[in-house]
Amino acid sequence: MDQQQADAIAAEWVDAWNAHDLERILSHYAETLEFISPLIVERLGRADGTIHSKAELRSYFAAGIAPGTNLRFELIDVLPGVASVTLYYRNQRGRTVAETMFFDPDGKVTRAAVHYH
């Protein structure tokens, strides 16, 4: 993946989240996946912090963009990898986040790991 591809993915992903458009957000993800986040431990009580399906991800993300949440992301940097990208952004609470996404040949996220500071 080159910088231009990574930047395009990042821009669409952030725009979807900032629009609170659940279907658009979910369009980036494969049906079967591994999504790992400390917030899954906190909010869902799962010790491994992992979601394994798009259906589970739908419910988890829907709570994040529910009315009144004021969720908003500000992109700071985009780092391309090999079939992966790391987005570095700030959320509405001022926390910085690094989210690494790995893509299948169809361009869908099959694995993502989220890190907060």
PDB file of N, CA and C in Angstrom:
ATOM      1  N   MET A   1       0.851  -1.175   0.000  1.00  0.00           N
ATOM      2  CA  MET A   1       0.000   0.000   0.000  1.00  0.00           C
ATOM      3  C   MET A   1       0.896   1.237   0.000  1.00  0.00           C
ATOM      4  N   ASP A   2       0.540   2.192  -0.848  1.00  0.00           N
ATOM      5  CA  ASP A   2       1.335   3.418  -0.860  1.00  0.00           C
ATOM      6  C   ASP A   2       0.619   4.515  -0.061  1.00  0.00           C
ATOM      7  N   GLN A   3       1.278   5.649   0.094  1.00  0.00           N
ATOM      8  CA  GLN A   3       0.735   6.734   0.909  1.00  0.00           C
ATOM      9  C   GLN A   3      -0.591   7.251   0.369  1.00  0.00           C
ATOM     10  N   GLN A   4      -0.706   7.359  -0.951  1.00  0.00           N
ATOM     11  CA  GLN A   4      -1.935   7.856  -1.553  1.00  0.00           C
ATOM     12  C   GLN A   4      -3.120   6.935  -1.249  1.00  0.00           C
ATOM     13  N   GLN A   5      -2.913   5.631  -1.350  1.00  0.00           N
ATOM     14  CA  GLN A   5      -3.980   4.669  -1.026  1.00  0.00           C
ATOM     15  C   GLN A   5      -4.349   4.760   0.456  1.00  0.00           C
ATOM     16  N   ALA A   6      -3.342   4.818   1.309  1.00  0.00           N
ATOM     17  CA  ALA A   6      -3.580   4.906   2.752  1.00  0.00           C
ATOM     18  C   ALA A   6      -4.341   6.176   3.110  1.00  0.00           C
ATOM     19  N   ASP A   7      -3.946   7.296   2.496  1.00  0.00           N
ATOM     20  CA  ASP A   7      -4.628   8.566   2.761  1.00  0.00           C
ATOM     21  C   ASP A   7      -6.091   8.509   2.332  1.00  0.00           C
ATOM     22  N   ALA A   8      -6.374   7.864   1.205  1.00  0.00           N
ATOM     23  CA  ALA A   8      -7.753   7.749   0.723  1.00  0.00           C
ATOM     24  C   ALA A   8      -8.594   6.905   1.671  1.00  0.00           C
ATOM     25  N   ILE A   9      -8.046   5.796   2.126  1.00  0.00           N
ATOM     26  CA  ILE A   9      -8.746   4.940   3.093  1.00  0.00           C
ATOM     27  C   ILE A   9      -9.029   5.726   4.373  1.00  0.00           C
ATOM     28  N   ALA A  10      -8.019   6.417   4.865  1.00  0.00           N
ATOM     29  CA  ALA A  10      -8.148   7.173   6.113  1.00  0.00           C
ATOM     30  C   ALA A  10      -9.207   8.267   5.996  1.00  0.00           C
ATOM     31  N   ALA A  11      -9.183   8.997   4.894  1.00  0.00           N
ATOM     32  CA  ALA A  11     -10.146  10.091   4.714  1.00  0.00           C
ATOM     33  C   ALA A  11     -11.574   9.562   4.684  1.00  0.00           C
ATOM     34  N   GLU A  12     -11.812   8.488   3.955  1.00  0.00           N
ATOM     35  CA  GLU A  12     -13.160   7.907   3.881  1.00  0.00           C
ATOM     36  C   GLU A  12     -13.592   7.374   5.237  1.00  0.00           C
ATOM     37  N   TRP A  13     -12.682   6.692   5.942  1.00  0.00           N
ATOM     38  CA  TRP A  13     -12.991   6.102   7.243  1.00  0.00           C
ATOM     39  C   TRP A  13     -13.357   7.188   8.258  1.00  0.00           C
ATOM     40  N   VAL A  14     -12.543   8.244   8.346  1.00  0.00           N
ATOM     41  CA  VAL A  14     -12.815   9.343   9.285  1.00  0.00           C
ATOM     42  C   VAL A  14     -14.116  10.057   8.905  1.00  0.00           C
ATOM     43  N   ASP A  15     -14.325  10.308   7.617  1.00  0.00           N
ATOM     44  CA  ASP A  15     -15.561  10.970   7.178  1.00  0.00           C
ATOM     45  C   ASP A  15     -16.793  10.151   7.555  1.00  0.00           C
ATOM     46  N   ALA A  16     -16.715   8.834   7.395  1.00  0.00           N
ATOM     47  CA  ALA A  16     -17.849   7.965   7.751  1.00  0.00           C
ATOM     48  C   ALA A  16     -18.154   8.058   9.242  1.00  0.00           C
ATOM     49  N   TRP A  17     -17.113   8.005  10.057  1.00  0.00           N
ATOM     50  CA  TRP A  17     -17.310   8.120  11.503  1.00  0.00           C
ATOM     51  C   TRP A  17     -17.862   9.493  11.888  1.00  0.00           C
ATOM     52  N   ASN A  18     -17.299  10.541  11.337  1.00  0.00           N
ATOM     53  CA  ASN A  18     -17.754  11.887  11.691  1.00  0.00           C
ATOM     54  C   ASN A  18     -19.164  12.165  11.205  1.00  0.00           C
ATOM     55  N   ALA A  19     -19.609  11.450  10.183  1.00  0.00           N
ATOM     56  CA  ALA A  19     -20.989  11.555   9.706  1.00  0.00           C
ATOM     57  C   ALA A  19     -21.934  10.690  10.537  1.00  0.00           C
ATOM     58  N   HIS A  20     -21.380   9.855  11.418  1.00  0.00           N
ATOM     59  CA  HIS A  20     -22.164   8.911  12.236  1.00  0.00           C
ATOM     60  C   HIS A  20     -23.010   8.004  11.349  1.00  0.00           C
ATOM     61  N   ASP A  21     -22.431   7.598  10.230  1.00  0.00           N
ATOM     62  CA  ASP A  21     -23.117   6.769   9.244  1.00  0.00           C
ATOM     63  C   ASP A  21     -22.696   5.310   9.444  1.00  0.00           C
ATOM     64  N   LEU A  22     -23.490   4.569  10.200  1.00  0.00           N
ATOM     65  CA  LEU A  22     -23.134   3.211  10.586  1.00  0.00           C
ATOM     66  C   LEU A  22     -22.899   2.304   9.386  1.00  0.00           C
ATOM     67  N   GLU A  23     -23.755   2.367   8.382  1.00  0.00           N
ATOM     68  CA  GLU A  23     -23.583   1.492   7.211  1.00  0.00           C
ATOM     69  C   GLU A  23     -22.293   1.810   6.472  1.00  0.00           C
ATOM     70  N   ARG A  24     -21.989   3.062   6.356  1.00  0.00           N
ATOM     71  CA  ARG A  24     -20.749   3.477   5.692  1.00  0.00           C
ATOM     72  C   ARG A  24     -19.526   3.038   6.495  1.00  0.00           C
ATOM     73  N   ILE A  25     -19.601   3.157   7.799  1.00  0.00           N
ATOM     74  CA  ILE A  25     -18.507   2.696   8.663  1.00  0.00           C
ATOM     75  C   ILE A  25     -18.305   1.195   8.469  1.00  0.00           C
ATOM     76  N   LEU A  26     -19.381   0.442   8.571  1.00  0.00           N
ATOM     77  CA  LEU A  26     -19.300  -1.013   8.477  1.00  0.00           C
ATOM     78  C   LEU A  26     -18.878  -1.506   7.097  1.00  0.00           C
ATOM     79  N   SER A  27     -19.063  -0.693   6.077  1.00  0.00           N
ATOM     80  CA  SER A  27     -18.686  -1.106   4.724  1.00  0.00           C
ATOM     81  C   SER A  27     -17.187  -1.364   4.589  1.00  0.00           C
ATOM     82  N   HIS A  28     -16.409  -0.886   5.532  1.00  0.00           N
ATOM     83  CA  HIS A  28     -14.956  -1.081   5.501  1.00  0.00           C
ATOM     84  C   HIS A  28     -14.522  -2.446   6.049  1.00  0.00           C
ATOM     85  N   TYR A  29     -15.420  -3.174   6.685  1.00  0.00           N
ATOM     86  CA  TYR A  29     -15.056  -4.380   7.428  1.00  0.00           C
ATOM     87  C   TYR A  29     -15.585  -5.655   6.774  1.00  0.00           C
ATOM     88  N   ALA A  30     -14.796  -6.730   6.881  1.00  0.00           N
ATOM     89  CA  ALA A  30     -15.200  -8.054   6.414  1.00  0.00           C
ATOM     90  C   ALA A  30     -16.231  -8.648   7.376  1.00  0.00           C
ATOM     91  N   GLU A  31     -16.962  -9.652   6.922  1.00  0.00           N
ATOM     92  CA  GLU A  31     -17.976 -10.299   7.761  1.00  0.00           C
ATOM     93  C   GLU A  31     -17.344 -10.997   8.971  1.00  0.00           C
ATOM     94  N   THR A  32     -16.241 -11.671   8.741  1.00  0.00           N
ATOM     95  CA  THR A  32     -15.508 -12.335   9.818  1.00  0.00           C
ATOM     96  C   THR A  32     -14.230 -11.546  10.029  1.00  0.00           C
ATOM     97  N   LEU A  33     -13.967 -11.198  11.278  1.00  0.00           N
ATOM     98  CA  LEU A  33     -12.831 -10.339  11.551  1.00  0.00           C
ATOM     99  C   LEU A  33     -12.362 -10.513  12.982  1.00  0.00           C
ATOM    100  N   GLU A  34     -11.305  -9.812  13.289  1.00  0.00           N
ATOM    101  CA  GLU A  34     -10.799  -9.738  14.657  1.00  0.00           C
ATOM    102  C   GLU A  34     -10.577  -8.256  14.936  1.00  0.00           C
ATOM    103  N   PHE A  35     -11.388  -7.699  15.828  1.00  0.00           N
ATOM    104  CA  PHE A  35     -11.304  -6.296  16.189  1.00  0.00           C
ATOM    105  C   PHE A  35     -10.981  -6.232  17.677  1.00  0.00           C
ATOM    106  N   ILE A  36      -9.803  -5.682  17.998  1.00  0.00           N
ATOM    107  CA  ILE A  36      -9.293  -5.704  19.369  1.00  0.00           C
ATOM    108  C   ILE A  36      -9.183  -4.274  19.885  1.00  0.00           C
ATOM    109  N   SER A  37      -9.761  -4.024  21.059  1.00  0.00           N
ATOM    110  CA  SER A  37      -9.722  -2.685  21.639  1.00  0.00           C
ATOM    111  C   SER A  37      -9.872  -2.756  23.157  1.00  0.00           C
ATOM    112  N   PRO A  38      -9.149  -1.905  23.872  1.00  0.00           N
ATOM    113  CA  PRO A  38      -9.341  -1.829  25.319  1.00  0.00           C
ATOM    114  C   PRO A  38     -10.767  -1.411  25.693  1.00  0.00           C
ATOM    115  N   LEU A  39     -11.445  -0.688  24.811  1.00  0.00           N
ATOM    116  CA  LEU A  39     -12.818  -0.289  25.109  1.00  0.00           C
ATOM    117  C   LEU A  39     -13.777  -1.470  25.094  1.00  0.00           C
ATOM    118  N   ILE A  40     -13.435  -2.527  24.375  1.00  0.00           N
ATOM    119  CA  ILE A  40     -14.265  -3.737  24.395  1.00  0.00           C
ATOM    120  C   ILE A  40     -14.185  -4.384  25.775  1.00  0.00           C
ATOM    121  N   VAL A  41     -13.008  -4.374  26.352  1.00  0.00           N
ATOM    122  CA  VAL A  41     -12.856  -4.885  27.727  1.00  0.00           C
ATOM    123  C   VAL A  41     -13.722  -4.044  28.657  1.00  0.00           C
ATOM    124  N   GLU A  42     -13.601  -2.731  28.548  1.00  0.00           N
ATOM    125  CA  GLU A  42     -14.306  -1.795  29.424  1.00  0.00           C
ATOM    126  C   GLU A  42     -15.819  -1.832  29.235  1.00  0.00           C
ATOM    127  N   ARG A  43     -16.269  -1.763  28.001  1.00  0.00           N
ATOM    128  CA  ARG A  43     -17.706  -1.626  27.724  1.00  0.00           C
ATOM    129  C   ARG A  43     -18.460  -2.939  27.643  1.00  0.00           C
ATOM    130  N   LEU A  44     -17.795  -3.990  27.155  1.00  0.00           N
ATOM    131  CA  LEU A  44     -18.471  -5.274  26.987  1.00  0.00           C
ATOM    132  C   LEU A  44     -18.039  -6.311  28.014  1.00  0.00           C
ATOM    133  N   GLY A  45     -17.017  -6.005  28.786  1.00  0.00           N
ATOM    134  CA  GLY A  45     -16.548  -6.933  29.811  1.00  0.00           C
ATOM    135  C   GLY A  45     -15.863  -8.170  29.265  1.00  0.00           C
ATOM    136  N   ARG A  46     -15.356  -8.078  28.064  1.00  0.00           N
ATOM    137  CA  ARG A  46     -14.656  -9.225  27.459  1.00  0.00           C
ATOM    138  C   ARG A  46     -13.174  -9.120  27.785  1.00  0.00           C
ATOM    139  N   ALA A  47     -12.674 -10.077  28.514  1.00  0.00           N
ATOM    140  CA  ALA A  47     -11.275 -10.038  28.956  1.00  0.00           C
ATOM    141  C   ALA A  47     -10.294  -9.979  27.803  1.00  0.00           C
ATOM    142  N   ASP A  48     -10.622 -10.616  26.675  1.00  0.00           N
ATOM    143  CA  ASP A  48      -9.700 -10.614  25.539  1.00  0.00           C
ATOM    144  C   ASP A  48      -9.849  -9.364  24.672  1.00  0.00           C
ATOM    145  N   GLY A  49     -10.852  -8.541  24.943  1.00  0.00           N
ATOM    146  CA  GLY A  49     -11.040  -7.295  24.221  1.00  0.00           C
ATOM    147  C   GLY A  49     -11.296  -7.460  22.739  1.00  0.00           C
ATOM    148  N   THR A  50     -11.899  -8.571  22.349  1.00  0.00           N
ATOM    149  CA  THR A  50     -12.011  -8.901  20.927  1.00  0.00           C
ATOM    150  C   THR A  50     -13.453  -9.138  20.479  1.00  0.00           C
ATOM    151  N   ILE A  51     -13.755  -8.594  19.306  1.00  0.00           N
ATOM    152  CA  ILE A  51     -15.001  -8.859  18.585  1.00  0.00           C
ATOM    153  C   ILE A  51     -14.619  -9.657  17.346  1.00  0.00           C
ATOM    154  N   HIS A  52     -15.464 -10.659  16.986  1.00  0.00           N
ATOM    155  CA  HIS A  52     -15.105 -11.570  15.892  1.00  0.00           C
ATOM    156  C   HIS A  52     -16.007 -11.514  14.667  1.00  0.00           C
ATOM    157  N   SER A  53     -17.070 -10.720  14.698  1.00  0.00           N
ATOM    158  CA  SER A  53     -17.962 -10.686  13.532  1.00  0.00           C
ATOM    159  C   SER A  53     -18.458  -9.264  13.280  1.00  0.00           C
ATOM    160  N   LYS A  54     -18.847  -9.053  12.056  1.00  0.00           N
ATOM    161  CA  LYS A  54     -19.387  -7.754  11.668  1.00  0.00           C
ATOM    162  C   LYS A  54     -20.696  -7.477  12.413  1.00  0.00           C
ATOM    163  N   ALA A  55     -21.470  -8.511  12.679  1.00  0.00           N
ATOM    164  CA  ALA A  55     -22.722  -8.330  13.419  1.00  0.00           C
ATOM    165  C   ALA A  55     -22.450  -7.792  14.825  1.00  0.00           C
ATOM    166  N   GLU A  56     -21.453  -8.344  15.492  1.00  0.00           N
ATOM    167  CA  GLU A  56     -21.075  -7.841  16.817  1.00  0.00           C
ATOM    168  C   GLU A  56     -20.522  -6.418  16.726  1.00  0.00           C
ATOM    169  N   LEU A  57     -19.748  -6.178  15.677  1.00  0.00           N
ATOM    170  CA  LEU A  57     -19.155  -4.865  15.473  1.00  0.00           C
ATOM    171  C   LEU A  57     -20.251  -3.821  15.265  1.00  0.00           C
ATOM    172  N   ARG A  58     -21.309  -4.200  14.556  1.00  0.00           N
ATOM    173  CA  ARG A  58     -22.448  -3.298  14.318  1.00  0.00           C
ATOM    174  C   ARG A  58     -23.013  -2.787  15.641  1.00  0.00           C
ATOM    175  N   SER A  59     -23.260  -3.679  16.550  1.00  0.00           N
ATOM    176  CA  SER A  59     -23.820  -3.302  17.846  1.00  0.00           C
ATOM    177  C   SER A  59     -22.863  -2.423  18.636  1.00  0.00           C
ATOM    178  N   TYR A  60     -21.597  -2.792  18.638  1.00  0.00           N
ATOM    179  CA  TYR A  60     -20.564  -2.050  19.357  1.00  0.00           C
ATOM    180  C   TYR A  60     -20.401  -0.637  18.792  1.00  0.00           C
ATOM    181  N   PHE A  61     -20.312  -0.520  17.465  1.00  0.00           N
ATOM    182  CA  PHE A  61     -20.154   0.787  16.838  1.00  0.00           C
ATOM    183  C   PHE A  61     -21.418   1.637  16.980  1.00  0.00           C
ATOM    184  N   ALA A  62     -22.591   1.013  16.903  1.00  0.00           N
ATOM    185  CA  ALA A  62     -23.851   1.759  17.031  1.00  0.00           C
ATOM    186  C   ALA A  62     -23.904   2.486  18.371  1.00  0.00           C
ATOM    187  N   ALA A  63     -23.424   1.852  19.419  1.00  0.00           N
ATOM    188  CA  ALA A  63     -23.399   2.506  20.736  1.00  0.00           C
ATOM    189  C   ALA A  63     -22.465   3.712  20.720  1.00  0.00           C
ATOM    190  N   GLY A  64     -21.392   3.621  19.954  1.00  0.00           N
ATOM    191  CA  GLY A  64     -20.413   4.708  19.891  1.00  0.00           C
ATOM    192  C   GLY A  64     -20.903   5.944  19.172  1.00  0.00           C
ATOM    193  N   ILE A  65     -21.852   5.762  18.256  1.00  0.00           N
ATOM    194  CA  ILE A  65     -22.364   6.903  17.504  1.00  0.00           C
ATOM    195  C   ILE A  65     -23.811   7.239  17.855  1.00  0.00           C
ATOM    196  N   ALA A  66     -24.285   6.687  18.954  1.00  0.00           N
ATOM    197  CA  ALA A  66     -25.655   6.950  19.381  1.00  0.00           C
ATOM    198  C   ALA A  66     -25.850   8.455  19.600  1.00  0.00           C
ATOM    199  N   PRO A  67     -27.078   8.937  19.409  1.00  0.00           N
ATOM    200  CA  PRO A  67     -27.332  10.361  19.629  1.00  0.00           C
ATOM    201  C   PRO A  67     -26.826  10.814  21.004  1.00  0.00           C
ATOM    202  N   GLY A  68     -26.205  11.972  21.008  1.00  0.00           N
ATOM    203  CA  GLY A  68     -25.682  12.520  22.259  1.00  0.00           C
ATOM    204  C   GLY A  68     -24.248  12.150  22.570  1.00  0.00           C
ATOM    205  N   THR A  69     -23.648  11.247  21.772  1.00  0.00           N
ATOM    206  CA  THR A  69     -22.272  10.842  22.062  1.00  0.00           C
ATOM    207  C   THR A  69     -21.251  11.868  21.580  1.00  0.00           C
ATOM    208  N   ASN A  70     -21.630  12.684  20.600  1.00  0.00           N
ATOM    209  CA  ASN A  70     -20.736  13.715  20.060  1.00  0.00           C
ATOM    210  C   ASN A  70     -19.414  13.161  19.542  1.00  0.00           C
ATOM    211  N   LEU A  71     -19.383  11.907  19.151  1.00  0.00           N
ATOM    212  CA  LEU A  71     -18.158  11.302  18.662  1.00  0.00           C
ATOM    213  C   LEU A  71     -17.641  12.061  17.446  1.00  0.00           C
ATOM    214  N   ARG A  72     -16.355  12.327  17.462  1.00  0.00           N
ATOM    215  CA  ARG A  72     -15.697  13.026  16.348  1.00  0.00           C
ATOM    216  C   ARG A  72     -14.226  12.658  16.351  1.00  0.00           C
ATOM    217  N   PHE A  73     -13.675  12.402  15.168  1.00  0.00           N
ATOM    218  CA  PHE A  73     -12.263  12.075  15.017  1.00  0.00           C
ATOM    219  C   PHE A  73     -11.559  13.148  14.205  1.00  0.00           C
ATOM    220  N   GLU A  74     -10.343  13.480  14.614  1.00  0.00           N
ATOM    221  CA  GLU A  74      -9.487  14.402  13.883  1.00  0.00           C
ATOM    222  C   GLU A  74      -8.230  13.636  13.483  1.00  0.00           C
ATOM    223  N   LEU A  75      -8.053  13.435  12.206  1.00  0.00           N
ATOM    224  CA  LEU A  75      -6.916  12.676  11.701  1.00  0.00           C
ATOM    225  C   LEU A  75      -5.624  13.468  11.891  1.00  0.00           C
ATOM    226  N   ILE A  76      -4.625  12.810  12.478  1.00  0.00           N
ATOM    227  CA  ILE A  76      -3.322  13.428  12.703  1.00  0.00           C
ATOM    228  C   ILE A  76      -2.307  12.918  11.682  1.00  0.00           C
ATOM    229  N   ASP A  77      -2.281  11.607  11.460  1.00  0.00           N
ATOM    230  CA  ASP A  77      -1.306  11.035  10.532  1.00  0.00           C
ATOM    231  C   ASP A  77      -1.806   9.690  10.032  1.00  0.00           C
ATOM    232  N   VAL A  78      -1.262   9.277   8.887  1.00  0.00           N
ATOM    233  CA  VAL A  78      -1.611   8.010   8.245  1.00  0.00           C
ATOM    234  C   VAL A  78      -0.309   7.316   7.888  1.00  0.00           C
ATOM    235  N   LEU A  79      -0.160   6.059   8.339  1.00  0.00           N
ATOM    236  CA  LEU A  79       1.068   5.309   8.096  1.00  0.00           C
ATOM    237  C   LEU A  79       0.740   4.035   7.327  1.00  0.00           C
ATOM    238  N   PRO A  80       1.133   3.975   6.044  1.00  0.00           N
ATOM    239  CA  PRO A  80       0.861   2.769   5.262  1.00  0.00           C
ATOM    240  C   PRO A  80       1.814   1.638   5.615  1.00  0.00           C
ATOM    241  N   GLY A  81       1.311   0.413   5.487  1.00  0.00           N
ATOM    242  CA  GLY A  81       2.123  -0.786   5.681  1.00  0.00           C
ATOM    243  C   GLY A  81       1.936  -1.699   4.484  1.00  0.00           C
ATOM    244  N   VAL A  82       2.163  -2.974   4.694  1.00  0.00           N
ATOM    245  CA  VAL A  82       1.948  -3.971   3.651  1.00  0.00           C
ATOM    246  C   VAL A  82       0.549  -4.549   3.893  1.00  0.00           C
ATOM    247  N   ALA A  83      -0.387  -4.205   3.033  1.00  0.00           N
ATOM    248  CA  ALA A  83      -1.794  -4.613   3.184  1.00  0.00           C
ATOM    249  C   ALA A  83      -2.365  -4.176   4.525  1.00  0.00           C
ATOM    250  N   SER A  84      -1.856  -3.064   5.032  1.00  0.00           N
ATOM    251  CA  SER A  84      -2.332  -2.529   6.305  1.00  0.00           C
ATOM    252  C   SER A  84      -2.107  -1.026   6.345  1.00  0.00           C
ATOM    253  N   VAL A  85      -2.761  -0.389   7.289  1.00  0.00           N
ATOM    254  CA  VAL A  85      -2.592   1.040   7.514  1.00  0.00           C
ATOM    255  C   VAL A  85      -2.799   1.315   9.005  1.00  0.00           C
ATOM    256  N   THR A  86      -2.047   2.263   9.524  1.00  0.00           N
ATOM    257  CA  THR A  86      -2.265   2.735  10.883  1.00  0.00           C
ATOM    258  C   THR A  86      -2.733   4.176  10.810  1.00  0.00           C
ATOM    259  N   LEU A  87      -3.876   4.422  11.418  1.00  0.00           N
ATOM    260  CA  LEU A  87      -4.414   5.776  11.507  1.00  0.00           C
ATOM    261  C   LEU A  87      -4.100   6.309  12.897  1.00  0.00           C
ATOM    262  N   TYR A  88      -3.561   7.492  12.936  1.00  0.00           N
ATOM    263  CA  TYR A  88      -3.279   8.164  14.206  1.00  0.00           C
ATOM    264  C   TYR A  88      -4.211   9.362  14.257  1.00  0.00           C
ATOM    265  N   TYR A  89      -5.090   9.386  15.266  1.00  0.00           N
ATOM    266  CA  TYR A  89      -6.106  10.426  15.321  1.00  0.00           C
ATOM    267  C   TYR A  89      -6.425  10.806  16.761  1.00  0.00           C
ATOM    268  N   ARG A  90      -7.169  11.890  16.894  1.00  0.00           N
ATOM    269  CA  ARG A  90      -7.612  12.371  18.199  1.00  0.00           C
ATOM    270  C   ARG A  90      -9.134  12.268  18.225  1.00  0.00           C
ATOM    271  N   ASN A  91      -9.665  11.791  19.352  1.00  0.00           N
ATOM    272  CA  ASN A  91     -11.120  11.699  19.448  1.00  0.00           C
ATOM    273  C   ASN A  91     -11.693  12.942  20.138  1.00  0.00           C
ATOM    274  N   GLN A  92     -13.003  12.980  20.281  1.00  0.00           N
ATOM    275  CA  GLN A  92     -13.694  14.143  20.830  1.00  0.00           C
ATOM    276  C   GLN A  92     -13.330  14.414  22.287  1.00  0.00           C
ATOM    277  N   ARG A  93     -12.757  13.450  22.953  1.00  0.00           N
ATOM    278  CA  ARG A  93     -12.337  13.630  24.346  1.00  0.00           C
ATOM    279  C   ARG A  93     -10.893  14.098  24.460  1.00  0.00           C
ATOM    280  N   GLY A  94     -10.242  14.274  23.313  1.00  0.00           N
ATOM    281  CA  GLY A  94      -8.859  14.715  23.309  1.00  0.00           C
ATOM    282  C   GLY A  94      -7.842  13.595  23.448  1.00  0.00           C
ATOM    283  N   ARG A  95      -8.300  12.346  23.497  1.00  0.00           N
ATOM    284  CA  ARG A  95      -7.384  11.202  23.567  1.00  0.00           C
ATOM    285  C   ARG A  95      -6.811  10.917  22.195  1.00  0.00           C
ATOM    286  N   THR A  96      -5.531  10.561  22.158  1.00  0.00           N
ATOM    287  CA  THR A  96      -4.936  10.145  20.894  1.00  0.00           C
ATOM    288  C   THR A  96      -5.103   8.636  20.751  1.00  0.00           C
ATOM    289  N   VAL A  97      -5.294   8.234  19.507  1.00  0.00           N
ATOM    290  CA  VAL A  97      -5.591   6.848  19.192  1.00  0.00           C
ATOM    291  C   VAL A  97      -4.741   6.425  18.002  1.00  0.00           C
ATOM    292  N   ALA A  98      -4.182   5.222  18.077  1.00  0.00           N
ATOM    293  CA  ALA A  98      -3.527   4.596  16.933  1.00  0.00           C
ATOM    294  C   ALA A  98      -4.314   3.331  16.624  1.00  0.00           C
ATOM    295  N   GLU A  99      -4.819   3.247  15.410  1.00  0.00           N
ATOM    296  CA  GLU A  99      -5.625   2.095  15.005  1.00  0.00           C
ATOM    297  C   GLU A  99      -4.995   1.483  13.758  1.00  0.00           C
ATOM    298  N   THR A 100      -4.592   0.228  13.890  1.00  0.00           N
ATOM    299  CA  THR A 100      -3.976  -0.475  12.776  1.00  0.00           C
ATOM    300  C   THR A 100      -4.983  -1.447  12.187  1.00  0.00           C
ATOM    301  N   MET A 101      -5.159  -1.358  10.874  1.00  0.00           N
ATOM    302  CA  MET A 101      -6.112  -2.192  10.155  1.00  0.00           C
ATOM    303  C   MET A 101      -5.383  -3.014   9.108  1.00  0.00           C
ATOM    304  N   PHE A 102      -5.721  -4.298   9.042  1.00  0.00           N
ATOM    305  CA  PHE A 102      -5.169  -5.216   8.047  1.00  0.00           C
ATOM    306  C   PHE A 102      -6.281  -5.574   7.073  1.00  0.00           C
ATOM    307  N   PHE A 103      -5.960  -5.581   5.779  1.00  0.00           N
ATOM    308  CA  PHE A 103      -6.961  -5.746   4.733  1.00  0.00           C
ATOM    309  C   PHE A 103      -6.831  -7.066   3.984  1.00  0.00           C
ATOM    310  N   ASP A 104      -7.980  -7.603   3.575  1.00  0.00           N
ATOM    311  CA  ASP A 104      -7.981  -8.779   2.709  1.00  0.00           C
ATOM    312  C   ASP A 104      -7.809  -8.313   1.256  1.00  0.00           C
ATOM    313  N   PRO A 105      -7.711  -9.245   0.296  1.00  0.00           N
ATOM    314  CA  PRO A 105      -7.529  -8.849  -1.111  1.00  0.00           C
ATOM    315  C   PRO A 105      -8.663  -7.987  -1.671  1.00  0.00           C
ATOM    316  N   ASP A 106      -9.849  -8.039  -1.033  1.00  0.00           N
ATOM    317  CA  ASP A 106     -10.984  -7.221  -1.478  1.00  0.00           C
ATOM    318  C   ASP A 106     -10.993  -5.840  -0.845  1.00  0.00           C
ATOM    319  N   GLY A 107      -9.994  -5.547  -0.018  1.00  0.00           N
ATOM    320  CA  GLY A 107      -9.903  -4.235   0.614  1.00  0.00           C
ATOM    321  C   GLY A 107     -10.738  -4.079   1.868  1.00  0.00           C
ATOM    322  N   LYS A 108     -11.191  -5.198   2.432  1.00  0.00           N
ATOM    323  CA  LYS A 108     -11.981  -5.150   3.664  1.00  0.00           C
ATOM    324  C   LYS A 108     -11.080  -5.426   4.866  1.00  0.00           C
ATOM    325  N   VAL A 109     -11.378  -4.773   5.983  1.00  0.00           N
ATOM    326  CA  VAL A 109     -10.605  -4.965   7.208  1.00  0.00           C
ATOM    327  C   VAL A 109     -10.944  -6.325   7.806  1.00  0.00           C
ATOM    328  N   THR A 110      -9.919  -7.141   8.007  1.00  0.00           N
ATOM    329  CA  THR A 110     -10.101  -8.456   8.628  1.00  0.00           C
ATOM    330  C   THR A 110      -9.533  -8.494  10.039  1.00  0.00           C
ATOM    331  N   ARG A 111      -8.674  -7.540  10.341  1.00  0.00           N
ATOM    332  CA  ARG A 111      -8.085  -7.465  11.678  1.00  0.00           C
ATOM    333  C   ARG A 111      -7.800  -6.003  11.974  1.00  0.00           C
ATOM    334  N   ALA A 112      -8.154  -5.572  13.178  1.00  0.00           N
ATOM    335  CA  ALA A 112      -7.862  -4.206  13.601  1.00  0.00           C
ATOM    336  C   ALA A 112      -7.481  -4.236  15.071  1.00  0.00           C
ATOM    337  N   ALA A 113      -6.500  -3.426  15.417  1.00  0.00           N
ATOM    338  CA  ALA A 113      -6.076  -3.285  16.807  1.00  0.00           C
ATOM    339  C   ALA A 113      -6.040  -1.797  17.138  1.00  0.00           C
ATOM    340  N   VAL A 114      -6.703  -1.430  18.234  1.00  0.00           N
ATOM    341  CA  VAL A 114      -6.842  -0.035  18.635  1.00  0.00           C
ATOM    342  C   VAL A 114      -6.025   0.190  19.901  1.00  0.00           C
ATOM    343  N   HIS A 115      -5.300   1.300  19.920  1.00  0.00           N
ATOM    344  CA  HIS A 115      -4.460   1.655  21.064  1.00  0.00           C
ATOM    345  C   HIS A 115      -4.751   3.104  21.466  1.00  0.00           C
ATOM    346  N   TYR A 116      -4.900   3.344  22.765  1.00  0.00           N
ATOM    347  CA  TYR A 116      -5.239   4.680  23.276  1.00  0.00           C
ATOM    348  C   TYR A 116      -4.127   5.233  24.140  1.00  0.00           C
ATOM    349  N   HIS A 117      -4.017   6.547  24.097  1.00  0.00           N
ATOM    350  CA  HIS A 117      -3.105   7.253  25.005  1.00  0.00           C
ATOM    351  C   HIS A 117      -3.889   8.311  25.746  1.00  0.00           C
TER     352      HIS A 117
END
